[in-house]
C-alpha atoms as a PDB file:
ATOM      1  CA  MET A   1      30.263-120.674  -3.149  1.00  0.00           C
ATOM      2  CA  THR A   2      33.915-120.321  -3.984  1.00  0.00           C
ATOM      3  CA  ASP A   3      36.669-120.958  -1.699  1.00  0.00           C
ATOM      4  CA  VAL A   4      38.872-118.451   0.164  1.00  0.00           C
ATOM      5  CA  ALA A   5      42.498-119.341  -0.861  1.00  0.00           C
ATOM      6  CA  LEU A   6      45.408-117.977   1.124  1.00  0.00           C
ATOM      7  CA  VAL A   7      48.875-117.639  -0.394  1.00  0.00           C
ATOM      8  CA  THR A   8      51.940-116.697   2.023  1.00  0.00           C
ATOM      9  CA  GLY A   9      55.066-115.242  -0.101  1.00  0.00           C
ATOM     10  CA  ALA A  10      52.409-113.833  -2.681  1.00  0.00           C
ATOM     11  CA  GLY A  11      54.969-110.800  -3.086  1.00  0.00           C
ATOM     12  CA  GLY A  12      57.315-113.331  -4.711  1.00  0.00           C
ATOM     13  CA  ALA A  13      57.553-114.704  -8.209  1.00  0.00           C
ATOM     14  CA  LEU A  14      55.947-118.013  -7.414  1.00  0.00           C
ATOM     15  CA  GLY A  15      53.348-116.762  -4.873  1.00  0.00           C
ATOM     16  CA  ALA A  16      52.058-114.245  -7.202  1.00  0.00           C
ATOM     17  CA  GLU A  17      51.931-116.726  -9.842  1.00  0.00           C
ATOM     18  CA  VAL A  18      49.781-119.158  -7.842  1.00  0.00           C
ATOM     19  CA  ALA A  19      47.561-116.349  -6.743  1.00  0.00           C
ATOM     20  CA  ARG A  20      46.791-115.502 -10.411  1.00  0.00           C
ATOM     21  CA  ALA A  21      46.091-119.269 -11.152  1.00  0.00           C
ATOM     22  CA  LEU A  22      43.829-119.476  -7.971  1.00  0.00           C
ATOM     23  CA  SER A  23      41.877-116.202  -8.887  1.00  0.00           C
ATOM     24  CA  LYS A  24      41.712-117.079 -12.559  1.00  0.00           C
ATOM     25  CA  ARG A  25      39.682-120.285 -11.662  1.00  0.00           C
ATOM     26  CA  GLY A  26      37.366-118.259  -9.266  1.00  0.00           C
ATOM     27  CA  ASP A  27      38.653-118.581  -5.649  1.00  0.00           C
ATOM     28  CA  ARG A  28      38.663-115.506  -3.506  1.00  0.00           C
ATOM     29  CA  VAL A  29      42.418-114.966  -3.004  1.00  0.00           C
ATOM     30  CA  VAL A  30      44.133-113.581   0.136  1.00  0.00           C
ATOM     31  CA  LEU A  31      47.677-112.372  -0.443  1.00  0.00           C
ATOM     32  CA  VAL A  32      50.178-112.519   2.556  1.00  0.00           C
ATOM     33  CA  ASP A  33      53.711-111.157   2.876  1.00  0.00           C
ATOM     34  CA  GLY A  34      56.013-109.003   4.863  1.00  0.00           C
ATOM     35  CA  THR A  35      55.961-105.148   5.149  1.00  0.00           C
ATOM     36  CA  ARG A  36      58.715-105.012   2.310  1.00  0.00           C
ATOM     37  CA  SER A  37      56.117-106.470  -0.111  1.00  0.00           C
ATOM     38  CA  LYS A  38      53.288-104.153   0.493  1.00  0.00           C
ATOM     39  CA  ALA A  39      53.722-102.352  -2.701  1.00  0.00           C
ATOM     40  CA  ARG A  40      53.928-105.229  -4.644  1.00  0.00           C
ATOM     41  CA  LEU A  41      50.824-107.149  -2.750  1.00  0.00           C
ATOM     42  CA  ASP A  42      48.778-103.920  -3.322  1.00  0.00           C
ATOM     43  CA  GLN A  43      49.565-103.936  -7.003  1.00  0.00           C
ATOM     44  CA  LEU A  44      48.963-107.680  -7.379  1.00  0.00           C
ATOM     45  CA  ALA A  45      45.458-107.482  -5.309  1.00  0.00           C
ATOM     46  CA  ALA A  46      44.403-104.665  -7.695  1.00  0.00           C
ATOM     47  CA  THR A  47      44.654-106.834 -10.772  1.00  0.00           C
ATOM     48  CA  LEU A  48      42.892-109.734  -8.911  1.00  0.00           C
ATOM     49  CA  ASN A  49      39.234-109.563  -8.623  1.00  0.00           C
ATOM     50  CA  GLY A  50      38.211-109.332  -5.216  1.00  0.00           C
ATOM     51  CA  ALA A  51      41.734-110.175  -3.830  1.00  0.00           C
ATOM     52  CA  ILE A  52      42.733-108.729  -0.396  1.00  0.00           C
ATOM     53  CA  ALA A  53      46.378-107.886   1.060  1.00  0.00           C
ATOM     54  CA  VAL A  54      47.574-108.753   4.726  1.00  0.00           C
ATOM     55  CA  VAL A  55      50.955-107.510   5.554  1.00  0.00           C
ATOM     56  CA  GLY A  56      52.820-108.729   8.456  1.00  0.00           C
ATOM     57  CA  ASP A  57      55.113-111.229  10.294  1.00  0.00           C
ATOM     58  CA  LEU A  58      54.030-114.693   9.433  1.00  0.00           C
ATOM     59  CA  THR A  59      55.553-116.085  12.557  1.00  0.00           C
ATOM     60  CA  ASP A  60      53.577-113.581  14.820  1.00  0.00           C
ATOM     61  CA  ASP A  61      50.293-114.799  16.220  1.00  0.00           C
ATOM     62  CA  ALA A  62      49.332-110.759  16.442  1.00  0.00           C
ATOM     63  CA  THR A  63      49.663-110.723  12.402  1.00  0.00           C
ATOM     64  CA  TRP A  64      46.890-113.757  12.291  1.00  0.00           C
ATOM     65  CA  ASP A  65      44.630-112.190  14.948  1.00  0.00           C
ATOM     66  CA  GLU A  66      44.114-109.218  13.140  1.00  0.00           C
ATOM     67  CA  ALA A  67      43.849-110.663   9.688  1.00  0.00           C
ATOM     68  CA  LEU A  68      41.632-113.830  10.035  1.00  0.00           C
ATOM     69  CA  PRO A  69      38.791-111.982  11.276  1.00  0.00           C
ATOM     70  CA  ARG A  70      39.298-109.341   8.608  1.00  0.00           C
ATOM     71  CA  ILE A  71      39.441-112.178   6.050  1.00  0.00           C
ATOM     72  CA  GLU A  72      36.317-113.609   7.391  1.00  0.00           C
ATOM     73  CA  ARG A  73      34.465-110.178   7.312  1.00  0.00           C
ATOM     74  CA  GLU A  74      35.622-109.054   3.936  1.00  0.00           C
ATOM     75  CA  LEU A  75      35.199-112.408   2.158  1.00  0.00           C
ATOM     76  CA  GLY A  76      32.699-114.257   3.993  1.00  0.00           C
ATOM     77  CA  ALA A  77      34.718-117.099   5.138  1.00  0.00           C
ATOM     78  CA  LEU A  78      37.901-117.955   6.657  1.00  0.00           C
ATOM     79  CA  PRO A  79      40.617-119.882   4.104  1.00  0.00           C
ATOM     80  CA  SER A  80      39.837-123.411   3.202  1.00  0.00           C
ATOM     81  CA  LEU A  81      42.960-123.579   0.916  1.00  0.00           C
ATOM     82  CA  ALA A  82      46.333-122.251   1.318  1.00  0.00           C
ATOM     83  CA  ALA A  83      49.479-122.092  -0.666  1.00  0.00           C
ATOM     84  CA  LEU A  84      52.177-121.558   1.906  1.00  0.00           C
ATOM     85  CA  ILE A  85      55.035-120.363  -0.281  1.00  0.00           C
ATOM     86  CA  ALA A  86      56.822-117.982   1.840  1.00  0.00           C
ATOM     87  CA  GLY A  87      60.556-118.671   2.597  1.00  0.00           C
ATOM     88  CA  ALA A  88      63.899-117.904   1.754  1.00  0.00           C
ATOM     89  CA  TRP A  89      67.251-119.123   0.591  1.00  0.00           C
ATOM     90  CA  ARG A  90      70.827-118.674   2.183  1.00  0.00           C
ATOM     91  CA  GLY A  91      73.973-120.715   1.819  1.00  0.00           C
ATOM     92  CA  GLY A  92      77.288-120.261   0.396  1.00  0.00           C
ATOM     93  CA  GLN A  93      79.709-122.139   2.647  1.00  0.00           C
ATOM     94  CA  PRO A  94      79.985-125.427   4.545  1.00  0.00           C
ATOM     95  CA  LEU A  95      78.297-125.505   7.919  1.00  0.00           C
ATOM     96  CA  TYR A  96      81.875-126.006   9.908  1.00  0.00           C
ATOM     97  CA  GLY A  97      82.987-122.472   8.105  1.00  0.00           C
ATOM     98  CA  GLU A  98      80.028-120.475   9.827  1.00  0.00           C
ATOM     99  CA  LYS A  99      80.908-118.086  12.534  1.00  0.00           C
ATOM    100  CA  ASP A 100      77.610-117.525  14.129  1.00  0.00           C
ATOM    101  CA  HIS A 101      74.366-119.160  13.925  1.00  0.00           C
ATOM    102  CA  ASP A 102      72.426-116.294  12.000  1.00  0.00           C
ATOM    103  CA  THR A 103      71.994-118.135   8.924  1.00  0.00           C
ATOM    104  CA  TRP A 104      70.579-121.323  10.694  1.00  0.00           C
ATOM    105  CA  ARG A 105      68.116-119.214  12.482  1.00  0.00           C
ATOM    106  CA  THR A 106      67.127-117.377   9.666  1.00  0.00           C
ATOM    107  CA  MET A 107      66.346-120.392   7.454  1.00  0.00           C
ATOM    108  CA  MET A 108      64.456-122.118  10.198  1.00  0.00           C
ATOM    109  CA  SER A 109      62.310-118.789  10.890  1.00  0.00           C
ATOM    110  CA  ALA A 110      61.661-118.060   7.119  1.00  0.00           C
ATOM    111  CA  ASN A 111      61.124-121.530   5.914  1.00  0.00           C
ATOM    112  CA  LEU A 112      59.948-123.673   8.825  1.00  0.00           C
ATOM    113  CA  GLU A 113      58.339-121.317  11.466  1.00  0.00           C
ATOM    114  CA  THR A 114      56.339-119.576   8.857  1.00  0.00           C
ATOM    115  CA  VAL A 115      54.650-123.021   7.877  1.00  0.00           C
ATOM    116  CA  HIS A 116      54.402-124.034  11.360  1.00  0.00           C
ATOM    117  CA  VAL A 117      52.494-120.994  12.729  1.00  0.00           C
ATOM    118  CA  SER A 118      50.606-120.916   9.345  1.00  0.00           C
ATOM    119  CA  LEU A 119      49.287-124.488   9.949  1.00  0.00           C
ATOM    120  CA  THR A 120      48.347-123.780  13.724  1.00  0.00           C
ATOM    121  CA  ARG A 121      46.141-120.740  12.588  1.00  0.00           C
ATOM    122  CA  LEU A 122      44.380-122.010   9.492  1.00  0.00           C
ATOM    123  CA  LEU A 123      44.002-125.480  10.119  1.00  0.00           C
ATOM    124  CA  PRO A 124      41.404-125.432  13.408  1.00  0.00           C
ATOM    125  CA  ALA A 125      38.978-123.866  10.811  1.00  0.00           C
ATOM    126  CA  MET A 126      39.328-126.365   8.142  1.00  0.00           C
ATOM    127  CA  VAL A 127      38.999-129.346  10.384  1.00  0.00           C
ATOM    128  CA  ALA A 128      35.740-127.980  11.925  1.00  0.00           C
ATOM    129  CA  GLY A 129      34.286-127.374   8.576  1.00  0.00           C
ATOM    130  CA  LYS A 130      35.604-130.836   7.183  1.00  0.00           C
ATOM    131  CA  HIS A 131      37.042-129.110   4.288  1.00  0.00           C
ATOM    132  CA  GLY A 132      40.252-128.032   3.169  1.00  0.00           C
ATOM    133  CA  SER A 133      43.603-128.470   1.404  1.00  0.00           C
ATOM    134  CA  ILE A 134      47.142-126.989   2.024  1.00  0.00           C
ATOM    135  CA  VAL A 135      50.087-127.236   0.048  1.00  0.00           C
ATOM    136  CA  VAL A 136      53.710-126.458   1.386  1.00  0.00           C
ATOM    137  CA  VAL A 137      56.920-125.840  -0.607  1.00  0.00           C
ATOM    138  CA  GLY A 138      59.743-128.102   0.165  1.00  0.00           C
ATOM    139  CA  SER A 139      62.840-128.590  -2.122  1.00  0.00           C
ATOM    140  CA  ARG A 140      64.594-131.219  -4.031  1.00  0.00           C
ATOM    141  CA  ALA A 141      67.105-130.892  -1.511  1.00  0.00           C
ATOM    142  CA  VAL A 142      64.471-132.557   0.821  1.00  0.00           C
ATOM    143  CA  ALA A 143      65.161-135.941  -1.378  1.00  0.00           C
ATOM    144  CA  GLN A 144      68.749-135.373  -2.454  1.00  0.00           C
ATOM    145  CA  PRO A 145      70.011-133.525   0.474  1.00  0.00           C
ATOM    146  CA  TRP A 146      73.721-133.963  -0.993  1.00  0.00           C
ATOM    147  CA  THR A 147      72.972-131.436  -3.779  1.00  0.00           C
ATOM    148  CA  SER A 148      72.725-128.558  -1.294  1.00  0.00           C
ATOM    149  CA  ALA A 149      76.351-128.903   0.264  1.00  0.00           C
ATOM    150  CA  GLY A 150      76.786-125.350   1.351  1.00  0.00           C
ATOM    151  CA  ALA A 151      73.315-124.701   2.334  1.00  0.00           C
ATOM    152  CA  ALA A 152      72.717-127.007   5.068  1.00  0.00           C
ATOM    153  CA  ALA A 153      70.551-124.902   7.044  1.00  0.00           C
ATOM    154  CA  TYR A 154      68.311-124.332   4.028  1.00  0.00           C
ATOM    155  CA  ALA A 155      68.244-128.252   3.236  1.00  0.00           C
ATOM    156  CA  THR A 156      67.388-128.852   6.750  1.00  0.00           C
ATOM    157  CA  SER A 157      64.874-126.412   7.037  1.00  0.00           C
ATOM    158  CA  LYS A 158      63.055-127.675   4.061  1.00  0.00           C
ATOM    159  CA  SER A 159      63.218-131.391   4.914  1.00  0.00           C
ATOM    160  CA  ALA A 160      61.565-130.166   8.380  1.00  0.00           C
ATOM    161  CA  VAL A 161      58.872-128.403   6.428  1.00  0.00           C
ATOM    162  CA  VAL A 162      57.964-131.318   4.394  1.00  0.00           C
ATOM    163  CA  ALA A 163      58.252-133.705   7.689  1.00  0.00           C
ATOM    164  CA  LEU A 164      55.901-131.445   9.336  1.00  0.00           C
ATOM    165  CA  ALA A 165      53.373-131.413   6.365  1.00  0.00           C
ATOM    166  CA  GLN A 166      53.310-135.183   6.327  1.00  0.00           C
ATOM    167  CA  THR A 167      52.756-135.758   9.774  1.00  0.00           C
ATOM    168  CA  VAL A 168      49.926-133.150   9.881  1.00  0.00           C
ATOM    169  CA  ALA A 169      48.319-134.746   6.780  1.00  0.00           C
ATOM    170  CA  ALA A 170      47.962-137.928   8.785  1.00  0.00           C
ATOM    171  CA  GLU A 171      46.399-135.907  11.878  1.00  0.00           C
ATOM    172  CA  VAL A 172      43.794-134.280   9.577  1.00  0.00           C
ATOM    173  CA  LEU A 173      42.837-136.816   6.944  1.00  0.00           C
ATOM    174  CA  ASP A 174      39.949-138.166   8.592  1.00  0.00           C
ATOM    175  CA  ALA A 175      38.485-134.387   9.148  1.00  0.00           C
ATOM    176  CA  GLY A 176      38.485-133.827   5.422  1.00  0.00           C
ATOM    177  CA  VAL A 177      41.394-131.794   5.124  1.00  0.00           C
ATOM    178  CA  ARG A 178      44.686-132.407   2.764  1.00  0.00           C
ATOM    179  CA  VAL A 179      48.216-131.079   3.281  1.00  0.00           C
ATOM    180  CA  ASN A 180      50.755-131.934   0.379  1.00  0.00           C
ATOM    181  CA  ALA A 181      54.103-131.000  -0.423  1.00  0.00           C
ATOM    182  CA  ILE A 182      55.881-130.091  -3.940  1.00  0.00           C
ATOM    183  CA  LEU A 183      59.552-130.088  -4.043  1.00  0.00           C
ATOM    184  CA  PRO A 184      60.980-127.933  -6.799  1.00  0.00           C
ATOM    185  CA  SER A 185      64.441-127.713  -8.404  1.00  0.00           C
ATOM    186  CA  THR A 186      65.530-124.228  -9.366  1.00  0.00           C
ATOM    187  CA  MET A 187      62.808-122.110 -10.126  1.00  0.00           C
ATOM    188  CA  ASP A 188      62.975-119.809 -13.499  1.00  0.00           C
ATOM    189  CA  THR A 189      62.745-116.519 -11.606  1.00  0.00           C
ATOM    190  CA  PRO A 190      64.188-113.174 -12.229  1.00  0.00           C
ATOM    191  CA  ALA A 191      66.108-113.451  -9.106  1.00  0.00           C
ATOM    192  CA  ASN A 192      67.800-116.684 -10.092  1.00  0.00           C
ATOM    193  CA  ARG A 193      68.305-115.510 -13.573  1.00  0.00           C
ATOM    194  CA  ALA A 194      70.454-112.758 -12.375  1.00  0.00           C
ATOM    195  CA  ALA A 195      72.196-114.860  -9.707  1.00  0.00           C
ATOM    196  CA  MET A 196      73.336-117.550 -12.503  1.00  0.00           C
ATOM    197  CA  PRO A 197      73.514-115.562 -15.783  1.00  0.00           C
ATOM    198  CA  SER A 198      75.629-118.738 -17.437  1.00  0.00           C
ATOM    199  CA  VAL A 199      72.874-121.073 -16.793  1.00  0.00           C
ATOM    200  CA  ASP A 200      70.380-122.211 -19.518  1.00  0.00           C
ATOM    201  CA  PRO A 201      67.073-121.239 -17.544  1.00  0.00           C
ATOM    202  CA  ALA A 202      64.793-123.366 -20.241  1.00  0.00           C
ATOM    203  CA  ARG A 203      66.149-126.309 -17.896  1.00  0.00           C
ATOM    204  CA  TRP A 204      64.698-124.956 -14.794  1.00  0.00           C
ATOM    205  CA  VAL A 205      61.197-125.262 -13.418  1.00  0.00           C
ATOM    206  CA  SER A 206      58.862-122.549 -14.913  1.00  0.00           C
ATOM    207  CA  LEU A 207      56.534-120.539 -12.614  1.00  0.00           C
ATOM    208  CA  GLY A 208      53.378-121.553 -14.283  1.00  0.00           C
ATOM    209  CA  SER A 209      54.264-125.097 -14.230  1.00  0.00           C
ATOM    210  CA  ALA A 210      54.930-125.022 -10.284  1.00  0.00           C
ATOM    211  CA  ALA A 211      51.687-122.876  -9.844  1.00  0.00           C
ATOM    212  CA  GLY A 212      49.735-125.615 -11.931  1.00  0.00           C
ATOM    213  CA  VAL A 213      50.960-128.217  -9.673  1.00  0.00           C
ATOM    214  CA  ILE A 214      49.986-126.290  -6.515  1.00  0.00           C
ATOM    215  CA  ALA A 215      46.709-125.311  -8.003  1.00  0.00           C
ATOM    216  CA  PHE A 216      46.012-129.093  -8.672  1.00  0.00           C
ATOM    217  CA  LEU A 217      46.840-130.227  -5.190  1.00  0.00           C
ATOM    218  CA  LEU A 218      44.355-127.589  -4.085  1.00  0.00           C
ATOM    219  CA  SER A 219      41.543-128.570  -6.306  1.00  0.00           C
ATOM    220  CA  ASP A 220      38.771-131.354  -5.998  1.00  0.00           C
ATOM    221  CA  ALA A 221      40.847-133.229  -8.796  1.00  0.00           C
ATOM    222  CA  ALA A 222      43.424-134.260  -6.211  1.00  0.00           C
ATOM    223  CA  ARG A 223      40.656-135.101  -3.423  1.00  0.00           C
ATOM    224  CA  ASP A 224      42.481-138.455  -2.953  1.00  0.00           C
ATOM    225  CA  VAL A 225      45.848-137.039  -2.901  1.00  0.00           C
ATOM    226  CA  SER A 226      47.164-136.187   0.878  1.00  0.00           C
ATOM    227  CA  GLY A 227      50.784-136.384   2.351  1.00  0.00           C
ATOM    228  CA  ALA A 228      52.238-136.543  -0.940  1.00  0.00           C
ATOM    229  CA  ALA A 229      55.824-134.628  -1.651  1.00  0.00           C
ATOM    230  CA  LEU A 230      55.636-134.474  -5.535  1.00  0.00           C
ATOM    231  CA  PRO A 231      59.087-133.924  -7.482  1.00  0.00           C
ATOM    232  CA  VAL A 232      58.820-130.685  -9.768  1.00  0.00           C
ATOM    233  CA  TYR A 233      62.312-130.774 -11.085  1.00  0.00           C
ATOM    234  CA  GLY A 234      62.145-129.784 -14.847  1.00  0.00           C
ATOM    235  CA  ARG A 235      65.422-130.740 -16.460  1.00  0.00           C
ATOM    236  CA  ALA A 236      67.770-128.966 -13.868  1.00  0.00           C
END
């Protein structure tokens, strides 16, 4: 039987690309994102054989309490693969210039807490079944935090995500579950092209390339890889 693969942030450019790659290889895909992405999730699900869409707040246990029984009921199993892509970016000024804590709290919730809650809800079944693989999305800022001057909250949240993933990887390794991270530089997305029209996007990381790395880490071909944080920099 094929695996059930859950993708958070599936309404975004990278999440949708990963979902397509996993569906194409035969995984049964669960698309997860917030309520603002419902239309995009429904459209994507309609193009992927047997995919289902879950809409809700990833940091809210109520979302998971409703989603996990539904996934098992409709797809026949709980997820044994997961790409935790949901996240956000916010920056633009040095930390000392911030007038409130809104950016910090937003980055910690969108980038770290979504992964934290997702891991706590997905890992128990994987550990019990002694089978599973999860990939989280960090950033080049994890390895080169000085490149995120003006976006300290973002860099910190992504660094925490990778530290969490690598710690959890050690906790679940003997149970046959793997957890890895990728560290992309600038992604070639429509949003980034609109925000940086003067930059050559050919130097950025293509969506297909990043999705391919994630799909590899979620495959049996990467069965001996866990706790890794793989640079995916392109030429940026």
